[in-house]
Amino acid sequence: MWSKNILLDNIYINSTSHSSQPARNTDGVDTLFSDGVTFRNMYIRNGDDAIAIKGNSTNILVEDSIFDNSLGLAFGSLGQYFGKTEIVENVIARRIKFYGTRYASYVKTWTGDQVNYPPNGGGGGLGYLRNVSKY
C-alpha cells in the first residue's frame, strides 16, 4: 500500500493450510495506491489471488513468476468504495506460469449499489482498467 518505485524479486509465498479448515482470504500480494511496482521471480502458492492489482495502482510489471493453485492475477476490486473512483492502468504481465489456477487473470468489480462496508462489503464507487498487456 502506498508503494512507489519498488522491486519485489525472488520471493516465495505459500499461504495454504494443512488443517481441516482451509486458509481463507490468502492473497499473495496486493497493491493499493501504488505506482511503479515490479514483481519478478515470484512463486505464489495459495487459494486466493496470487497478485491483486487494486485501486489506484499504476505502472505495474509482473514477470518471470509462477502462480500455483491460486485464482491468478486479479484486477480490482474496482468500485468497492462508495463515491470514490479507482483506476488501474499500465500493467504488463509476461512470462508467467500457471499451475492449477482457476484463471490466468480476471477483473473484479462491485455493483453501483453499496452492500455493507469494506473490507468484506462495498459498492457504489466507480473504476476503470486501462492499458493492460500480456506477452
Protein backbone atom coordinates (compact mmCIF):
# COMPACT_ATOMS: atom_id res chain seq x y z
CA MET A 1 0.00 0.00 0.00
CA TRP A 2 1.27 3.46 -0.98
CA SER A 3 4.37 1.94 -2.62
CA LYS A 4 6.35 3.80 -5.24
CA ASN A 5 9.16 2.54 -7.47
CA ILE A 6 9.83 -0.76 -5.73
CA LEU A 7 11.09 -4.16 -6.84
CA LEU A 8 9.96 -7.43 -5.25
CA ASP A 9 12.29 -10.10 -6.61
CA ASN A 10 12.79 -13.80 -5.88
CA ILE A 11 10.06 -14.13 -3.25
CA TYR A 12 8.36 -17.38 -2.18
CA ILE A 13 4.83 -17.14 -0.74
CA ASN A 14 2.88 -20.16 0.50
CA SER A 15 -0.38 -19.32 2.26
CA THR A 16 -2.08 -22.69 2.39
CA SER A 17 -3.42 -24.72 5.29
CA HIS A 18 -2.96 -28.32 6.35
CA SER A 19 -5.79 -28.22 8.90
CA SER A 20 -9.38 -29.30 8.31
CA GLN A 21 -10.27 -25.62 7.83
CA PRO A 22 -8.98 -24.11 4.59
CA ALA A 23 -6.97 -20.90 4.76
CA ARG A 24 -9.22 -18.01 3.74
CA ASN A 25 -8.57 -14.63 2.20
CA THR A 26 -4.98 -15.55 1.41
CA ASP A 27 -3.94 -13.11 -1.32
CA GLY A 28 -0.27 -13.49 -2.12
CA VAL A 29 0.39 -9.78 -2.70
CA ASP A 30 -1.92 -6.79 -3.18
CA THR A 31 -1.17 -3.30 -4.46
CA LEU A 32 -3.25 -0.30 -3.43
CA PHE A 33 -2.44 3.36 -4.17
CA SER A 34 0.86 2.20 -5.67
CA ASP A 35 2.94 3.28 -8.67
CA GLY A 36 5.96 1.71 -10.30
CA VAL A 37 5.87 -1.75 -8.72
CA THR A 38 7.77 -4.67 -10.27
CA PHE A 39 7.09 -8.27 -9.24
CA ARG A 40 9.82 -10.56 -10.58
CA ASN A 41 10.60 -14.24 -9.94
CA MET A 42 7.67 -14.69 -7.56
CA TYR A 43 6.47 -18.16 -6.57
CA ILE A 44 3.00 -17.88 -5.09
CA ARG A 45 1.02 -20.90 -3.86
CA ASN A 46 -2.30 -20.01 -2.26
CA GLY A 47 -6.02 -20.41 -2.62
CA ASP A 48 -6.86 -16.80 -3.46
CA ASP A 49 -5.50 -14.06 -5.74
CA ALA A 50 -1.81 -14.65 -6.45
CA ILE A 51 -1.39 -10.92 -7.07
CA ALA A 52 -4.27 -8.45 -6.82
CA ILE A 53 -3.74 -5.11 -8.55
CA LYS A 54 -6.18 -2.99 -6.57
CA GLY A 55 -7.45 0.57 -6.88
CA ASN A 56 -5.19 3.44 -7.83
CA SER A 57 -2.31 1.19 -8.87
CA THR A 58 -0.38 2.23 -11.97
CA ASN A 59 2.73 1.16 -13.87
CA ILE A 60 2.85 -2.41 -12.60
CA LEU A 61 5.08 -5.14 -14.07
CA VAL A 62 4.64 -8.84 -13.24
CA GLU A 63 7.19 -11.12 -14.88
CA ASP A 64 9.03 -14.44 -14.73
CA SER A 65 6.79 -15.80 -11.98
CA ILE A 66 4.83 -18.93 -11.06
CA PHE A 67 1.27 -18.95 -9.70
CA ASP A 68 0.38 -22.30 -8.16
CA ASN A 69 -3.16 -23.31 -7.11
CA SER A 70 -4.29 -19.69 -6.96
CA LEU A 71 -7.06 -17.69 -8.57
CA GLY A 72 -4.47 -15.98 -10.80
CA LEU A 73 -3.74 -12.31 -11.45
CA ALA A 74 -6.66 -10.17 -10.28
CA PHE A 75 -7.56 -6.60 -11.20
CA GLY A 76 -9.72 -4.97 -8.55
CA SER A 77 -11.99 -4.92 -6.64
CA LEU A 78 -12.87 -1.74 -8.50
CA GLY A 79 -15.83 0.31 -7.32
CA GLN A 80 -15.72 -1.06 -3.78
CA TYR A 81 -15.58 2.32 -2.03
CA PHE A 82 -18.78 4.36 -2.17
CA GLY A 83 -18.43 7.66 -4.04
CA LYS A 84 -14.76 7.05 -4.95
CA THR A 85 -13.18 6.48 -8.37
CA GLU A 86 -10.42 3.89 -8.59
CA ILE A 87 -8.06 3.36 -11.51
CA VAL A 88 -5.75 0.56 -12.53
CA GLU A 89 -3.63 1.29 -15.57
CA ASN A 90 -0.39 0.48 -17.35
CA VAL A 91 0.03 -3.13 -16.26
CA ILE A 92 2.29 -5.60 -18.07
CA ALA A 93 2.27 -9.34 -17.30
CA ARG A 94 4.77 -11.58 -19.09
CA ARG A 95 6.36 -14.99 -18.80
CA ILE A 96 4.09 -16.22 -16.01
CA LYS A 97 3.45 -19.94 -15.49
CA PHE A 98 0.08 -21.00 -14.12
CA TYR A 99 -0.29 -24.38 -12.37
CA GLY A 100 -3.76 -25.34 -11.18
CA THR A 101 -5.03 -21.76 -11.17
CA ARG A 102 -8.71 -21.05 -11.65
CA TYR A 103 -7.99 -18.15 -14.02
CA ALA A 104 -4.93 -16.69 -15.67
CA SER A 105 -6.28 -13.21 -14.92
CA TYR A 106 -9.64 -11.66 -14.19
CA VAL A 107 -11.34 -8.38 -13.27
CA LYS A 108 -13.28 -7.92 -10.02
CA THR A 109 -15.88 -5.15 -9.75
CA TRP A 110 -18.63 -4.06 -7.40
CA THR A 111 -22.14 -3.00 -8.38
CA GLY A 112 -23.36 0.58 -8.22
CA ASP A 113 -25.25 -0.23 -5.02
CA GLN A 114 -23.48 -0.33 -1.69
CA VAL A 115 -23.95 -3.54 0.28
CA ASN A 116 -22.38 -3.36 3.73
CA TYR A 117 -18.93 -1.80 4.05
CA PRO A 118 -15.35 -2.67 3.06
CA PRO A 119 -13.34 -4.78 3.53
CA ASN A 120 -15.94 -7.55 3.06
CA GLY A 121 -18.71 -5.44 1.58
CA GLY A 122 -18.87 -2.37 -0.62
CA GLY A 123 -20.05 -0.98 -3.90
CA GLY A 124 -21.29 2.35 -5.13
CA GLY A 125 -17.95 3.53 -6.43
CA LEU A 126 -16.55 3.90 -9.92
CA GLY A 127 -13.47 2.46 -11.52
CA TYR A 128 -11.67 1.76 -14.73
CA LEU A 129 -8.99 -0.55 -16.01
CA ARG A 130 -6.84 0.67 -18.91
CA ASN A 131 -3.75 -0.33 -20.84
CA VAL A 132 -3.15 -3.90 -19.69
CA SER A 133 -0.79 -6.06 -21.76
CA LYS A 134 0.41 -9.64 -21.67
CA TYR A 135 3.32 -11.19 -23.55
